[in-house]
Structure formats: C-alpha cells, structure tokens
C-alpha cells in the first residue's frame, strides 16, 4: 500500500467503492494517521487497528474512536466500511495500537490489513 493520502469528497463523486474505502483504511494503518468516516448526519475520527471481511461478507474496520457523535464516548468500535458517505485519511496522528489491542478477532473471517 502506498502511504500517499487519498481523499474522497462527499457529493463530488459517486460513493466510493469498497476497494477505495479499504485501501484508504489500510493507508491509515501504514501511515499512522487517523481516518475520518463521514455519514449523512455525523462523522467519526478513528485510529484504525484492523480491516477485513465480516461474517456477513461486509467490509469492516476495528478501531479506537477518538471523536464521534455527541451521544457516543471514545473507545473501541467495529464499523461497516460499506456504509459511509466519505472516507478521508487525515493528518491527525494515530496513537495506535491501544494497550488492549490484540491481533486477529472473531468478528473477522478474513483480515486485509492490521497493526
């Protein structure tokens, strides 16, 4: 994976395909930067720890959310990469891995990239 930043701008192009979102998420791991994941009504800033395929065939990400919707606290999140409107590699330095991180996870049937 190249460590060059890739940006997806909401509403400027069709929703990025899963390959783009997966590549950007893996770039976040490689470059030790946070990922901004945008939805219709909120955004999340996440330190990506693992990207792969979930049990239902969806593309998922395991990460530490440092910012998100007001009703959510910081912490571990399992996010579906097939849902966001935008995925952007930020310049925010990731503090990953978090102390309780372990390689592999039962929610994943396949790992694409991980710390």
Protein backbone atom coordinates (compact mmCIF):
# COMPACT_ATOMS: atom_id res chain seq x y z
CA UNK A 1 0.00 0.00 0.00
CA UNK A 2 1.23 3.44 -0.81
CA UNK A 3 1.30 5.87 2.04
CA UNK A 4 0.08 8.74 -0.12
CA UNK A 5 -3.09 10.33 1.23
CA UNK A 6 -6.24 9.59 -0.72
CA UNK A 7 -9.32 11.70 -0.22
CA UNK A 8 -12.95 11.03 -1.03
CA UNK A 9 -15.00 14.22 -1.15
CA UNK A 10 -18.69 13.77 -0.25
CA UNK A 11 -21.16 14.58 -3.04
CA UNK A 12 -18.34 15.38 -5.51
CA UNK A 13 -18.33 11.88 -6.98
CA UNK A 14 -20.27 8.66 -6.59
CA UNK A 15 -19.95 6.99 -3.20
CA UNK A 16 -16.51 5.35 -3.10
CA UNK A 17 -16.43 1.63 -3.72
CA UNK A 18 -15.37 -0.83 -1.07
CA UNK A 19 -11.91 -1.21 -2.63
CA UNK A 20 -11.27 2.54 -2.24
CA UNK A 21 -12.50 2.58 1.35
CA UNK A 22 -10.48 -0.49 2.26
CA UNK A 23 -7.33 0.95 0.64
CA UNK A 24 -7.73 4.26 2.47
CA UNK A 25 -8.29 2.46 5.79
CA UNK A 26 -5.15 0.36 5.22
CA UNK A 27 -3.25 3.57 4.34
CA UNK A 28 -4.31 4.92 7.74
CA UNK A 29 -2.63 1.96 9.46
CA UNK A 30 0.51 2.22 7.34
CA UNK A 31 0.91 5.97 7.78
CA UNK A 32 -0.13 6.04 11.48
CA UNK A 33 -2.85 8.61 10.71
CA UNK A 34 -6.49 8.72 11.77
CA UNK A 35 -9.39 8.11 9.44
CA UNK A 36 -12.39 10.43 9.16
CA UNK A 37 -15.52 8.44 8.35
CA UNK A 38 -18.46 10.55 7.24
CA UNK A 39 -22.11 9.56 7.34
CA UNK A 40 -25.18 11.55 6.38
CA UNK A 41 -25.65 13.03 9.87
CA UNK A 42 -22.30 12.62 11.68
CA UNK A 43 -18.60 11.87 11.38
CA UNK A 44 -16.18 9.73 13.31
CA UNK A 45 -12.42 10.07 13.76
CA UNK A 46 -10.92 6.62 14.22
CA UNK A 47 -7.50 5.12 14.88
CA UNK A 48 -7.62 2.09 12.57
CA UNK A 49 -6.29 -1.17 14.04
CA UNK A 50 -7.70 -3.80 11.66
CA UNK A 51 -9.58 -4.00 8.34
CA UNK A 52 -11.17 -7.12 6.91
CA UNK A 53 -14.25 -9.11 5.97
CA UNK A 54 -17.04 -9.71 8.48
CA UNK A 55 -19.06 -12.87 8.91
CA UNK A 56 -21.80 -11.50 6.61
CA UNK A 57 -19.35 -10.66 3.83
CA UNK A 58 -19.27 -6.95 4.67
CA UNK A 59 -16.05 -4.91 4.81
CA UNK A 60 -15.41 -3.95 8.43
CA UNK A 61 -12.94 -1.95 10.45
CA UNK A 62 -11.94 -2.31 14.07
CA UNK A 63 -10.62 0.86 15.59
CA UNK A 64 -10.47 3.25 18.50
CA UNK A 65 -12.91 6.12 18.02
CA UNK A 66 -11.41 9.36 19.30
CA UNK A 67 -14.31 11.55 18.11
CA UNK A 68 -17.86 10.77 17.07
CA UNK A 69 -21.50 11.64 17.66
CA UNK A 70 -22.19 13.54 20.88
CA UNK A 71 -24.07 10.59 22.44
CA UNK A 72 -21.11 8.21 22.00
CA UNK A 73 -17.95 8.07 24.04
CA UNK A 74 -14.44 7.34 22.83
CA UNK A 75 -13.47 3.70 22.62
CA UNK A 76 -13.45 0.56 20.52
CA UNK A 77 -15.77 0.43 17.52
CA UNK A 78 -16.50 -2.19 14.89
CA UNK A 79 -17.59 -0.22 11.82
CA UNK A 80 -19.04 -1.32 8.50
CA UNK A 81 -16.99 0.24 5.68
CA UNK A 82 -19.81 -0.40 3.20
CA UNK A 83 -21.99 2.32 4.82
CA UNK A 84 -20.11 5.68 4.95
CA UNK A 85 -20.66 8.58 2.57
CA UNK A 86 -16.97 9.51 2.76
CA UNK A 87 -13.67 8.12 3.99
CA UNK A 88 -10.74 10.50 4.35
CA UNK A 89 -7.19 9.95 5.53
CA UNK A 90 -6.50 12.81 7.96
CA UNK A 91 -3.29 14.39 9.19
CA UNK A 92 -4.23 13.52 12.80
CA UNK A 93 -1.54 11.24 14.24
CA UNK A 94 -2.87 7.88 15.40
CA UNK A 95 -1.87 6.65 18.87
CA UNK A 96 -2.49 3.03 17.82
CA UNK A 97 -2.06 0.44 18.99
CA UNK A 98 -4.15 0.97 22.08
CA UNK A 99 -2.94 -1.02 25.14
CA UNK A 100 -5.67 -3.68 24.96
CA UNK A 101 -5.28 -4.36 21.21
CA UNK A 102 -4.81 -7.99 20.15
CA UNK A 103 -4.14 -9.22 16.60
CA UNK A 104 -6.96 -11.20 14.98
CA UNK A 105 -10.61 -11.04 16.02
CA UNK A 106 -13.58 -13.41 15.97
CA UNK A 107 -15.75 -10.86 14.11
CA UNK A 108 -13.48 -11.18 11.05
CA UNK A 109 -13.46 -14.14 8.66
CA UNK A 110 -10.60 -12.54 6.76
CA UNK A 111 -8.03 -9.86 7.57
CA UNK A 112 -6.96 -7.44 4.82
CA UNK A 113 -4.58 -5.36 6.95
CA UNK A 114 -3.88 -4.86 10.64
CA UNK A 115 -1.30 -3.49 13.02
